[in-house]
Amino acid sequence: MKIKYPEMGICGLSCQLCPQYHTDAYSRCKGCKSESRMIVGCPFITCAIKKKEVEFCWECKENINCQKWRKHREKGAKYDTFKCYQKLEEDINFIQENGFEEYKRLQNIREEILKDMLDNFNEGRSKSYYCIAATVMKIEELKEALIRAKEKSYGLDIKSKSKVLHFILDEIAKQEKYYLVLRKKGKL
């Protein structure tokens, strides 16, 4: 089958906002449905792509009654892995209501914002933090945070710039009750 969106997870996760997608290292993941990931596989690749020939779980005729996808979403509501799952259920609902193309358009905007944060404010230790922020915060909040951070950090070194953006994002997160760290099982 022809894969149209390798950078979008079968289960609904956006690879575009994952730290492993945004690395130059050999371990870079090119997306859940990229050739290298298809070889390694996951239960969703086996079920959706290889058996049912659908690119996303929500395209499957059995998605409403699928225990595997339901459990994945339930765990995602509580915990993260190396990737932030906080918006998984909300994103799936958005796709079902507004269509995948609109969701993809918004993910592209989020990824551009993330790239700006990584290019201009990452001191080498903030990639996961910025990926989480790009995932959970509203696009307008992210844009405003970047504008403010660029104004306040003009002429500063990268470490200081990172501190400025962290402060602004943390301030918004506190006000809006966003959680900007990975939620690990047993650590909440």
N, C-alpha and C. Protein backbone atom coordinates (compact mmCIF):
# COMPACT_ATOMS: atom_id res chain seq x y z
N MET A 1 0.84 -1.19 0.00
CA MET A 1 0.00 0.00 0.00
C MET A 1 0.87 1.24 0.00
N LYS A 2 0.38 2.30 -0.54
CA LYS A 2 1.11 3.57 -0.63
C LYS A 2 0.90 4.36 0.67
N ILE A 3 2.00 4.70 1.32
CA ILE A 3 1.95 5.50 2.55
C ILE A 3 2.00 6.97 2.15
N LYS A 4 1.00 7.70 2.55
CA LYS A 4 0.90 9.11 2.18
C LYS A 4 1.55 10.03 3.23
N TYR A 5 1.45 9.65 4.51
CA TYR A 5 1.92 10.50 5.60
C TYR A 5 2.82 9.73 6.56
N PRO A 6 4.09 9.50 6.21
CA PRO A 6 4.98 8.74 7.11
C PRO A 6 5.23 9.46 8.43
N GLU A 7 5.07 10.78 8.45
CA GLU A 7 5.34 11.56 9.66
C GLU A 7 4.14 11.65 10.61
N MET A 8 3.11 10.88 10.33
CA MET A 8 1.94 10.83 11.21
C MET A 8 1.73 9.40 11.67
N GLY A 9 1.68 9.22 12.97
CA GLY A 9 1.51 7.89 13.53
C GLY A 9 0.16 7.28 13.18
N ILE A 10 0.13 6.01 13.00
CA ILE A 10 -1.07 5.26 12.70
C ILE A 10 -2.11 5.47 13.79
N CYS A 11 -1.63 5.56 15.04
CA CYS A 11 -2.51 5.66 16.21
C CYS A 11 -2.99 7.09 16.46
N GLY A 12 -2.40 8.07 15.78
CA GLY A 12 -2.82 9.45 15.96
C GLY A 12 -1.74 10.37 16.50
N LEU A 13 -0.59 9.83 16.88
CA LEU A 13 0.50 10.68 17.37
C LEU A 13 1.16 11.41 16.20
N SER A 14 1.61 12.63 16.45
CA SER A 14 2.29 13.40 15.43
C SER A 14 3.80 13.24 15.57
N CYS A 15 4.39 12.56 14.63
CA CYS A 15 5.85 12.38 14.63
C CYS A 15 6.55 13.73 14.45
N GLN A 16 5.90 14.67 13.80
CA GLN A 16 6.48 15.98 13.53
C GLN A 16 6.87 16.73 14.80
N LEU A 17 6.30 16.36 15.92
CA LEU A 17 6.58 17.05 17.18
C LEU A 17 7.34 16.18 18.16
N CYS A 18 7.97 15.14 17.66
CA CYS A 18 8.71 14.18 18.49
C CYS A 18 10.20 14.52 18.50
N PRO A 19 10.85 14.42 19.66
CA PRO A 19 12.29 14.70 19.73
C PRO A 19 13.13 13.81 18.82
N GLN A 20 12.72 12.56 18.64
CA GLN A 20 13.50 11.65 17.80
C GLN A 20 13.38 11.99 16.32
N TYR A 21 12.35 12.73 15.95
CA TYR A 21 12.15 13.18 14.58
C TYR A 21 13.04 14.39 14.29
N HIS A 22 13.34 15.14 15.34
CA HIS A 22 14.13 16.38 15.20
C HIS A 22 15.54 16.19 15.75
N THR A 23 16.27 15.29 15.15
CA THR A 23 17.67 15.10 15.51
C THR A 23 18.46 14.84 14.23
N ASP A 24 19.71 15.19 14.25
CA ASP A 24 20.58 14.94 13.11
C ASP A 24 21.37 13.64 13.30
N ALA A 25 21.19 13.01 14.43
CA ALA A 25 21.94 11.79 14.76
C ALA A 25 21.49 10.61 13.89
N TYR A 26 22.30 9.58 13.88
CA TYR A 26 22.01 8.35 13.14
C TYR A 26 20.68 7.74 13.60
N SER A 27 20.34 7.96 14.86
CA SER A 27 19.12 7.38 15.43
C SER A 27 17.85 8.14 15.04
N ARG A 28 17.97 9.13 14.16
CA ARG A 28 16.80 9.93 13.76
C ARG A 28 15.69 9.04 13.22
N CYS A 29 14.50 9.27 13.73
CA CYS A 29 13.31 8.57 13.26
C CYS A 29 12.64 9.47 12.22
N LYS A 30 12.33 8.93 11.09
CA LYS A 30 11.71 9.72 10.01
C LYS A 30 10.19 9.60 10.03
N GLY A 31 9.67 9.04 11.09
CA GLY A 31 8.22 8.93 11.23
C GLY A 31 7.80 7.50 11.45
N CYS A 32 6.64 7.34 12.07
CA CYS A 32 6.14 6.01 12.44
C CYS A 32 5.94 5.09 11.24
N LYS A 33 5.69 5.68 10.07
CA LYS A 33 5.46 4.85 8.89
C LYS A 33 6.60 4.97 7.88
N SER A 34 7.76 5.42 8.34
CA SER A 34 8.93 5.46 7.47
C SER A 34 9.43 4.04 7.25
N GLU A 35 10.25 3.86 6.25
CA GLU A 35 10.72 2.52 5.90
C GLU A 35 11.39 1.81 7.07
N SER A 36 12.25 2.52 7.80
CA SER A 36 12.96 1.88 8.91
C SER A 36 12.01 1.47 10.03
N ARG A 37 11.01 2.26 10.31
CA ARG A 37 10.04 1.91 11.36
C ARG A 37 9.11 0.77 10.91
N MET A 38 8.83 0.72 9.63
CA MET A 38 7.96 -0.34 9.12
C MET A 38 8.63 -1.70 9.30
N ILE A 39 9.95 -1.73 9.20
CA ILE A 39 10.69 -2.98 9.38
C ILE A 39 10.63 -3.42 10.84
N VAL A 40 10.89 -2.46 11.75
CA VAL A 40 10.85 -2.74 13.19
C VAL A 40 9.41 -3.04 13.59
N GLY A 41 8.54 -2.17 13.16
CA GLY A 41 7.12 -2.37 13.37
C GLY A 41 6.63 -2.06 14.77
N CYS A 42 5.36 -1.99 14.86
CA CYS A 42 4.64 -1.87 16.12
C CYS A 42 3.30 -2.58 15.90
N PRO A 43 2.55 -2.85 16.93
CA PRO A 43 1.27 -3.56 16.75
C PRO A 43 0.33 -2.82 15.79
N PHE A 44 0.41 -1.50 15.75
CA PHE A 44 -0.47 -0.75 14.87
C PHE A 44 -0.06 -0.89 13.41
N ILE A 45 1.24 -0.96 13.16
CA ILE A 45 1.71 -1.18 11.79
C ILE A 45 1.23 -2.55 11.30
N THR A 46 1.40 -3.56 12.12
CA THR A 46 0.99 -4.91 11.75
C THR A 46 -0.51 -4.96 11.47
N CYS A 47 -1.30 -4.39 12.33
CA CYS A 47 -2.75 -4.44 12.20
C CYS A 47 -3.26 -3.55 11.07
N ALA A 48 -2.98 -2.26 11.15
CA ALA A 48 -3.56 -1.30 10.20
C ALA A 48 -2.95 -1.40 8.80
N ILE A 49 -1.66 -1.29 8.71
CA ILE A 49 -0.99 -1.22 7.40
C ILE A 49 -0.91 -2.61 6.76
N LYS A 50 -0.36 -3.56 7.49
CA LYS A 50 -0.08 -4.87 6.89
C LYS A 50 -1.31 -5.75 6.74
N LYS A 51 -2.24 -5.68 7.68
CA LYS A 51 -3.41 -6.57 7.60
C LYS A 51 -4.62 -5.89 6.96
N LYS A 52 -4.90 -4.65 7.38
CA LYS A 52 -6.14 -4.01 6.95
C LYS A 52 -5.93 -2.98 5.85
N GLU A 53 -4.67 -2.64 5.57
CA GLU A 53 -4.31 -1.70 4.52
C GLU A 53 -4.99 -0.34 4.66
N VAL A 54 -4.96 0.17 5.90
CA VAL A 54 -5.40 1.54 6.17
C VAL A 54 -4.23 2.27 6.80
N GLU A 55 -4.14 3.56 6.58
CA GLU A 55 -2.99 4.31 7.08
C GLU A 55 -3.17 4.76 8.53
N PHE A 56 -4.40 4.91 8.96
CA PHE A 56 -4.68 5.37 10.33
C PHE A 56 -5.75 4.51 10.98
N CYS A 57 -5.65 4.36 12.28
CA CYS A 57 -6.63 3.55 13.01
C CYS A 57 -8.05 4.04 12.81
N TRP A 58 -8.26 5.35 12.75
CA TRP A 58 -9.62 5.87 12.62
C TRP A 58 -10.22 5.57 11.25
N GLU A 59 -9.42 5.12 10.29
CA GLU A 59 -9.95 4.73 8.99
C GLU A 59 -10.45 3.29 8.97
N CYS A 60 -10.10 2.54 9.99
CA CYS A 60 -10.47 1.13 10.07
C CYS A 60 -11.95 1.00 10.43
N LYS A 61 -12.61 0.06 9.79
CA LYS A 61 -14.03 -0.18 10.06
C LYS A 61 -14.27 -0.65 11.49
N GLU A 62 -13.25 -1.25 12.09
CA GLU A 62 -13.39 -1.80 13.44
C GLU A 62 -12.87 -0.86 14.54
N ASN A 63 -12.56 0.38 14.21
CA ASN A 63 -11.90 1.26 15.18
C ASN A 63 -12.71 1.51 16.44
N ILE A 64 -14.00 1.55 16.35
CA ILE A 64 -14.83 1.83 17.53
C ILE A 64 -14.70 0.72 18.57
N ASN A 65 -14.56 -0.52 18.12
CA ASN A 65 -14.48 -1.66 19.03
C ASN A 65 -13.07 -2.20 19.22
N CYS A 66 -12.07 -1.51 18.71
CA CYS A 66 -10.69 -2.00 18.79
C CYS A 66 -10.13 -1.82 20.20
N GLN A 67 -9.87 -2.93 20.88
CA GLN A 67 -9.35 -2.90 22.25
C GLN A 67 -7.92 -2.36 22.29
N LYS A 68 -7.12 -2.73 21.32
CA LYS A 68 -5.72 -2.28 21.28
C LYS A 68 -5.64 -0.75 21.18
N TRP A 69 -6.43 -0.18 20.29
CA TRP A 69 -6.41 1.27 20.11
C TRP A 69 -7.03 1.98 21.32
N ARG A 70 -8.09 1.39 21.90
CA ARG A 70 -8.72 1.97 23.08
C ARG A 70 -7.74 2.00 24.25
N LYS A 71 -7.04 0.88 24.49
CA LYS A 71 -6.07 0.82 25.59
C LYS A 71 -4.93 1.81 25.37
N HIS A 72 -4.48 1.93 24.15
CA HIS A 72 -3.41 2.87 23.81
C HIS A 72 -3.85 4.31 24.15
N ARG A 73 -5.05 4.64 23.80
CA ARG A 73 -5.58 5.98 24.06
C ARG A 73 -5.78 6.21 25.55
N GLU A 74 -6.25 5.18 26.27
CA GLU A 74 -6.44 5.30 27.72
C GLU A 74 -5.11 5.51 28.42
N LYS A 75 -4.09 4.76 28.03
CA LYS A 75 -2.75 4.95 28.62
C LYS A 75 -2.21 6.34 28.27
N GLY A 76 -2.45 6.77 27.03
CA GLY A 76 -2.00 8.08 26.59
C GLY A 76 -2.63 9.22 27.36
N ALA A 77 -3.82 9.00 27.89
CA ALA A 77 -4.49 10.03 28.70
C ALA A 77 -3.79 10.23 30.05
N LYS A 78 -2.99 9.21 30.46
CA LYS A 78 -2.35 9.25 31.78
C LYS A 78 -0.83 9.37 31.73
N TYR A 79 -0.21 8.74 30.73
CA TYR A 79 1.25 8.63 30.71
C TYR A 79 1.82 8.91 29.32
N ASP A 80 3.09 9.23 29.30
CA ASP A 80 3.84 9.43 28.06
C ASP A 80 4.96 8.40 27.98
N THR A 81 5.54 8.26 26.80
CA THR A 81 6.76 7.46 26.66
C THR A 81 7.88 8.47 26.42
N PHE A 82 8.62 8.33 25.34
CA PHE A 82 9.62 9.33 24.96
C PHE A 82 8.95 10.49 24.24
N LYS A 83 7.68 10.32 23.89
CA LYS A 83 6.88 11.30 23.14
C LYS A 83 5.68 11.69 23.98
N CYS A 84 5.27 12.93 23.87
CA CYS A 84 4.13 13.45 24.63
C CYS A 84 2.80 12.93 24.04
N TYR A 85 1.99 12.30 24.88
CA TYR A 85 0.69 11.77 24.48
C TYR A 85 -0.48 12.64 25.00
N GLN A 86 -0.18 13.75 25.64
CA GLN A 86 -1.21 14.52 26.32
C GLN A 86 -2.37 14.94 25.42
N LYS A 87 -2.12 15.18 24.16
CA LYS A 87 -3.16 15.67 23.25
C LYS A 87 -3.71 14.59 22.31
N LEU A 88 -3.29 13.34 22.50
CA LEU A 88 -3.66 12.27 21.58
C LEU A 88 -5.17 12.18 21.38
N GLU A 89 -5.92 12.05 22.44
CA GLU A 89 -7.38 11.89 22.32
C GLU A 89 -8.01 13.14 21.70
N GLU A 90 -7.58 14.30 22.14
CA GLU A 90 -8.10 15.55 21.59
C GLU A 90 -7.80 15.66 20.09
N ASP A 91 -6.59 15.26 19.70
CA ASP A 91 -6.21 15.31 18.28
C ASP A 91 -7.04 14.35 17.45
N ILE A 92 -7.27 13.14 17.95
CA ILE A 92 -8.10 12.17 17.23
C ILE A 92 -9.51 12.71 17.05
N ASN A 93 -10.07 13.29 18.10
CA ASN A 93 -11.41 13.89 18.00
C ASN A 93 -11.42 15.03 16.99
N PHE A 94 -10.36 15.86 17.00
CA PHE A 94 -10.27 16.96 16.05
C PHE A 94 -10.27 16.43 14.61
N ILE A 95 -9.48 15.40 14.36
CA ILE A 95 -9.39 14.80 13.02
C ILE A 95 -10.75 14.27 12.58
N GLN A 96 -11.44 13.60 13.48
CA GLN A 96 -12.73 13.02 13.14
C GLN A 96 -13.78 14.09 12.87
N GLU A 97 -13.66 15.24 13.52
CA GLU A 97 -14.62 16.33 13.33
C GLU A 97 -14.26 17.26 12.17
N ASN A 98 -12.96 17.51 11.98
CA ASN A 98 -12.52 18.52 11.01
C ASN A 98 -11.76 17.97 9.81
N GLY A 99 -11.44 16.70 9.85
CA GLY A 99 -10.71 16.09 8.74
C GLY A 99 -9.20 16.11 8.96
N PHE A 100 -8.54 15.15 8.35
CA PHE A 100 -7.11 15.01 8.53
C PHE A 100 -6.33 16.17 7.89
N GLU A 101 -6.77 16.66 6.76
CA GLU A 101 -6.03 17.72 6.06
C GLU A 101 -5.94 18.99 6.93
N GLU A 102 -7.01 19.33 7.63
CA GLU A 102 -6.96 20.50 8.52
C GLU A 102 -6.02 20.25 9.69
N TYR A 103 -6.07 19.04 10.24
CA TYR A 103 -5.16 18.68 11.32
C TYR A 103 -3.71 18.77 10.85
N LYS A 104 -3.43 18.23 9.69
CA LYS A 104 -2.08 18.23 9.13
C LYS A 104 -1.60 19.65 8.91
N ARG A 105 -2.47 20.51 8.43
CA ARG A 105 -2.11 21.92 8.23
C ARG A 105 -1.67 22.55 9.55
N LEU A 106 -2.40 22.28 10.61
CA LEU A 106 -2.06 22.83 11.92
C LEU A 106 -0.78 22.21 12.48
N GLN A 107 -0.57 20.92 12.22
CA GLN A 107 0.67 20.27 12.67
C GLN A 107 1.87 20.87 11.95
N ASN A 108 1.72 21.22 10.70
CA ASN A 108 2.81 21.86 9.96
C ASN A 108 3.17 23.20 10.59
N ILE A 109 2.17 23.95 11.03
CA ILE A 109 2.41 25.23 11.71
C ILE A 109 3.14 24.97 13.03
N ARG A 110 2.68 23.99 13.78
CA ARG A 110 3.32 23.65 15.05
C ARG A 110 4.78 23.23 14.83
N GLU A 111 5.02 22.45 13.79
CA GLU A 111 6.39 22.02 13.52
C GLU A 111 7.29 23.20 13.15
N GLU A 112 6.78 24.15 12.40
CA GLU A 112 7.58 25.35 12.05
C GLU A 112 7.93 26.15 13.31
N ILE A 113 6.97 26.26 14.21
CA ILE A 113 7.22 26.95 15.49
C ILE A 113 8.28 26.18 16.29
N LEU A 114 8.13 24.86 16.34
CA LEU A 114 9.10 24.02 17.04
C LEU A 114 10.50 24.20 16.45
N LYS A 115 10.61 24.19 15.14
CA LYS A 115 11.91 24.37 14.48
C LYS A 115 12.52 25.72 14.86
N ASP A 116 11.70 26.75 14.94
CA ASP A 116 12.17 28.08 15.35
C ASP A 116 12.72 28.02 16.78
N MET A 117 12.00 27.34 17.66
CA MET A 117 12.47 27.21 19.05
C MET A 117 13.79 26.44 19.09
N LEU A 118 13.87 25.35 18.35
CA LEU A 118 15.08 24.53 18.36
C LEU A 118 16.26 25.26 17.73
N ASP A 119 16.02 25.98 16.64
CA ASP A 119 17.10 26.70 15.95
C ASP A 119 17.62 27.90 16.74
N ASN A 120 16.74 28.57 17.47
CA ASN A 120 17.12 29.83 18.10
C ASN A 120 17.19 29.82 19.63
N PHE A 121 16.68 28.77 20.27
CA PHE A 121 16.62 28.78 21.74
C PHE A 121 17.08 27.48 22.40
N ASN A 122 17.50 26.51 21.62
CA ASN A 122 17.89 25.23 22.21
C ASN A 122 19.38 25.24 22.55
N GLU A 123 19.66 25.20 23.83
CA GLU A 123 21.03 25.20 24.32
C GLU A 123 21.60 23.78 24.36
N GLY A 124 20.87 22.82 23.84
CA GLY A 124 21.33 21.44 23.81
C GLY A 124 20.62 20.54 24.81
N ARG A 125 19.76 21.13 25.64
CA ARG A 125 19.09 20.34 26.69
C ARG A 125 17.58 20.53 26.69
N SER A 126 17.05 21.26 25.73
CA SER A 126 15.63 21.63 25.79
C SER A 126 14.76 21.04 24.70
N LYS A 127 15.30 20.15 23.89
CA LYS A 127 14.53 19.63 22.76
C LYS A 127 13.21 18.99 23.21
N SER A 128 13.25 18.10 24.16
CA SER A 128 12.01 17.44 24.62
C SER A 128 11.02 18.45 25.18
N TYR A 129 11.53 19.39 25.94
CA TYR A 129 10.68 20.43 26.53
C TYR A 129 9.97 21.22 25.43
N TYR A 130 10.72 21.64 24.41
CA TYR A 130 10.11 22.41 23.32
C TYR A 130 9.14 21.55 22.52
N CYS A 131 9.45 20.27 22.35
CA CYS A 131 8.53 19.37 21.64
C CYS A 131 7.21 19.24 22.41
N ILE A 132 7.29 19.12 23.71
CA ILE A 132 6.07 19.04 24.53
C ILE A 132 5.28 20.34 24.44
N ALA A 133 5.97 21.47 24.56
CA ALA A 133 5.29 22.76 24.46
C ALA A 133 4.59 22.89 23.11
N ALA A 134 5.26 22.50 22.03
CA ALA A 134 4.67 22.58 20.69
C ALA A 134 3.48 21.66 20.54
N THR A 135 3.44 20.61 21.32
CA THR A 135 2.34 19.65 21.28
C THR A 135 1.13 20.14 22.08
N VAL A 136 1.35 20.65 23.28
CA VAL A 136 0.21 20.91 24.19
C VAL A 136 -0.31 22.34 24.17
N MET A 137 0.52 23.29 23.80
CA MET A 137 0.09 24.69 23.86
C MET A 137 -0.66 25.09 22.59
N LYS A 138 -1.47 26.11 22.69
CA LYS A 138 -2.18 26.64 21.53
C LYS A 138 -1.18 27.34 20.61
N ILE A 139 -1.46 27.29 19.33
CA ILE A 139 -0.56 27.88 18.33
C ILE A 139 -0.33 29.35 18.61
N GLU A 140 -1.37 30.09 18.91
CA GLU A 140 -1.22 31.52 19.17
C GLU A 140 -0.37 31.79 20.41
N GLU A 141 -0.50 30.95 21.42
CA GLU A 141 0.34 31.08 22.62
C GLU A 141 1.81 30.86 22.27
N LEU A 142 2.07 29.86 21.44
CA LEU A 142 3.45 29.57 21.04
C LEU A 142 4.04 30.72 20.22
N LYS A 143 3.26 31.24 19.30
CA LYS A 143 3.73 32.36 18.47
C LYS A 143 4.04 33.58 19.34
N GLU A 144 3.14 33.88 20.25
CA GLU A 144 3.32 35.03 21.14
C GLU A 144 4.55 34.82 22.04
N ALA A 145 4.72 33.62 22.54
CA ALA A 145 5.88 33.32 23.39
C ALA A 145 7.19 33.53 22.62
N LEU A 146 7.22 33.11 21.37
CA LEU A 146 8.42 33.30 20.55
C LEU A 146 8.70 34.76 20.29
N ILE A 147 7.67 35.52 19.99
CA ILE A 147 7.85 36.96 19.76
C ILE A 147 8.43 37.61 21.02
N ARG A 148 7.83 37.33 22.16
CA ARG A 148 8.31 37.91 23.42
C ARG A 148 9.74 37.47 23.72
N ALA A 149 10.03 36.18 23.52
CA ALA A 149 11.37 35.66 23.81
C ALA A 149 12.42 36.30 22.90
N LYS A 150 12.09 36.50 21.64
CA LYS A 150 13.05 37.12 20.71
C LYS A 150 13.32 38.57 21.11
N GLU A 151 12.28 39.26 21.53
CA GLU A 151 12.45 40.65 21.98
C GLU A 151 13.30 40.73 23.24
N LYS A 152 13.00 39.86 24.22
CA LYS A 152 13.68 39.91 25.51
C LYS A 152 15.09 39.32 25.49
N SER A 153 15.40 38.51 24.49
CA SER A 153 16.70 37.84 24.49
C SER A 153 17.65 38.34 23.41
N TYR A 154 17.29 39.41 22.76
CA TYR A 154 18.14 39.94 21.69
C TYR A 154 19.56 40.22 22.22
N GLY A 155 20.55 39.66 21.55
CA GLY A 155 21.94 39.88 21.92
C GLY A 155 22.48 38.95 23.00
N LEU A 156 21.64 38.10 23.56
CA LEU A 156 22.08 37.19 24.62
C LEU A 156 22.70 35.92 24.03
N ASP A 157 23.47 35.22 24.84
CA ASP A 157 24.01 33.93 24.40
C ASP A 157 22.88 32.88 24.42
N ILE A 158 23.12 31.73 23.81
CA ILE A 158 22.09 30.71 23.63
C ILE A 158 21.54 30.19 24.96
N LYS A 159 22.39 30.05 25.97
CA LYS A 159 21.91 29.59 27.28
C LYS A 159 20.93 30.59 27.88
N SER A 160 21.26 31.84 27.78
CA SER A 160 20.39 32.89 28.31
C SER A 160 19.10 33.00 27.50
N LYS A 161 19.21 32.85 26.19
CA LYS A 161 18.02 32.87 25.34
C LYS A 161 17.07 31.75 25.74
N SER A 162 17.63 30.57 25.97
CA SER A 162 16.83 29.42 26.36
C SER A 162 16.10 29.69 27.68
N LYS A 163 16.78 30.28 28.63
CA LYS A 163 16.17 30.61 29.92
C LYS A 163 14.99 31.56 29.74
N VAL A 164 15.15 32.54 28.84
CA VAL A 164 14.08 33.50 28.58
C VAL A 164 12.85 32.78 28.03
N LEU A 165 13.05 31.93 27.02
CA LEU A 165 11.90 31.22 26.44
C LEU A 165 11.28 30.26 27.44
N HIS A 166 12.10 29.56 28.20
CA HIS A 166 11.58 28.67 29.24
C HIS A 166 10.69 29.45 30.22
N PHE A 167 11.17 30.57 30.66
CA PHE A 167 10.42 31.38 31.61
C PHE A 167 9.05 31.77 31.03
N ILE A 168 9.03 32.21 29.79
CA ILE A 168 7.78 32.63 29.15
C ILE A 168 6.84 31.45 28.98
N LEU A 169 7.35 30.33 28.48
CA LEU A 169 6.51 29.14 28.30
C LEU A 169 6.00 28.61 29.64
N ASP A 170 6.86 28.60 30.65
CA ASP A 170 6.45 28.14 31.98
C ASP A 170 5.36 29.04 32.56
N GLU A 171 5.48 30.33 32.31
CA GLU A 171 4.50 31.30 32.78
C GLU A 171 3.13 31.01 32.16
N ILE A 172 3.10 30.78 30.86
CA ILE A 172 1.84 30.44 30.17
C ILE A 172 1.32 29.09 30.67
N ALA A 173 2.21 28.13 30.80
CA ALA A 173 1.81 26.79 31.25
C ALA A 173 1.17 26.83 32.63
N LYS A 174 1.75 27.61 33.51
CA LYS A 174 1.20 27.73 34.87
C LYS A 174 -0.19 28.35 34.82
N GLN A 175 -0.34 29.39 34.04
CA GLN A 175 -1.63 30.08 33.93
C GLN A 175 -2.70 29.18 33.30
N GLU A 176 -2.32 28.43 32.27
CA GLU A 176 -3.28 27.61 31.53
C GLU A 176 -3.34 26.16 32.04
N LYS A 177 -2.50 25.85 33.03
CA LYS A 177 -2.43 24.50 33.62
C LYS A 177 -1.98 23.43 32.61
N TYR A 178 -0.95 23.78 31.83
CA TYR A 178 -0.32 22.83 30.92
C TYR A 178 0.77 22.09 31.68
N TYR A 179 1.04 20.90 31.26
CA TYR A 179 2.07 20.06 31.87
C TYR A 179 3.19 19.92 30.85
N LEU A 180 4.33 20.58 31.05
CA LEU A 180 5.39 20.64 30.06
C LEU A 180 6.55 19.68 30.33
N VAL A 181 6.24 18.54 30.92
CA VAL A 181 7.22 17.46 31.08
C VAL A 181 6.53 16.16 30.72
N LEU A 182 7.32 15.15 30.40
CA LEU A 182 6.74 13.84 30.11
C LEU A 182 6.14 13.26 31.38
N ARG A 183 4.97 12.72 31.28
CA ARG A 183 4.28 12.11 32.42
C ARG A 183 4.66 10.65 32.50
N LYS A 184 5.58 10.33 33.35
CA LYS A 184 6.06 8.95 33.49
C LYS A 184 5.23 8.21 34.52
N LYS A 185 4.96 6.96 34.22
CA LYS A 185 4.18 6.11 35.11
C LYS A 185 4.85 6.05 36.48
N GLY A 186 4.08 6.30 37.53
CA GLY A 186 4.59 6.24 38.88
C GLY A 186 5.27 7.52 39.35
N LYS A 187 5.38 8.53 38.47
CA LYS A 187 6.06 9.76 38.85
C LYS A 187 5.12 10.95 38.95
N LEU A 188 3.84 10.73 38.82
CA LEU A 188 2.89 11.85 38.91
C LEU A 188 2.31 11.97 40.29
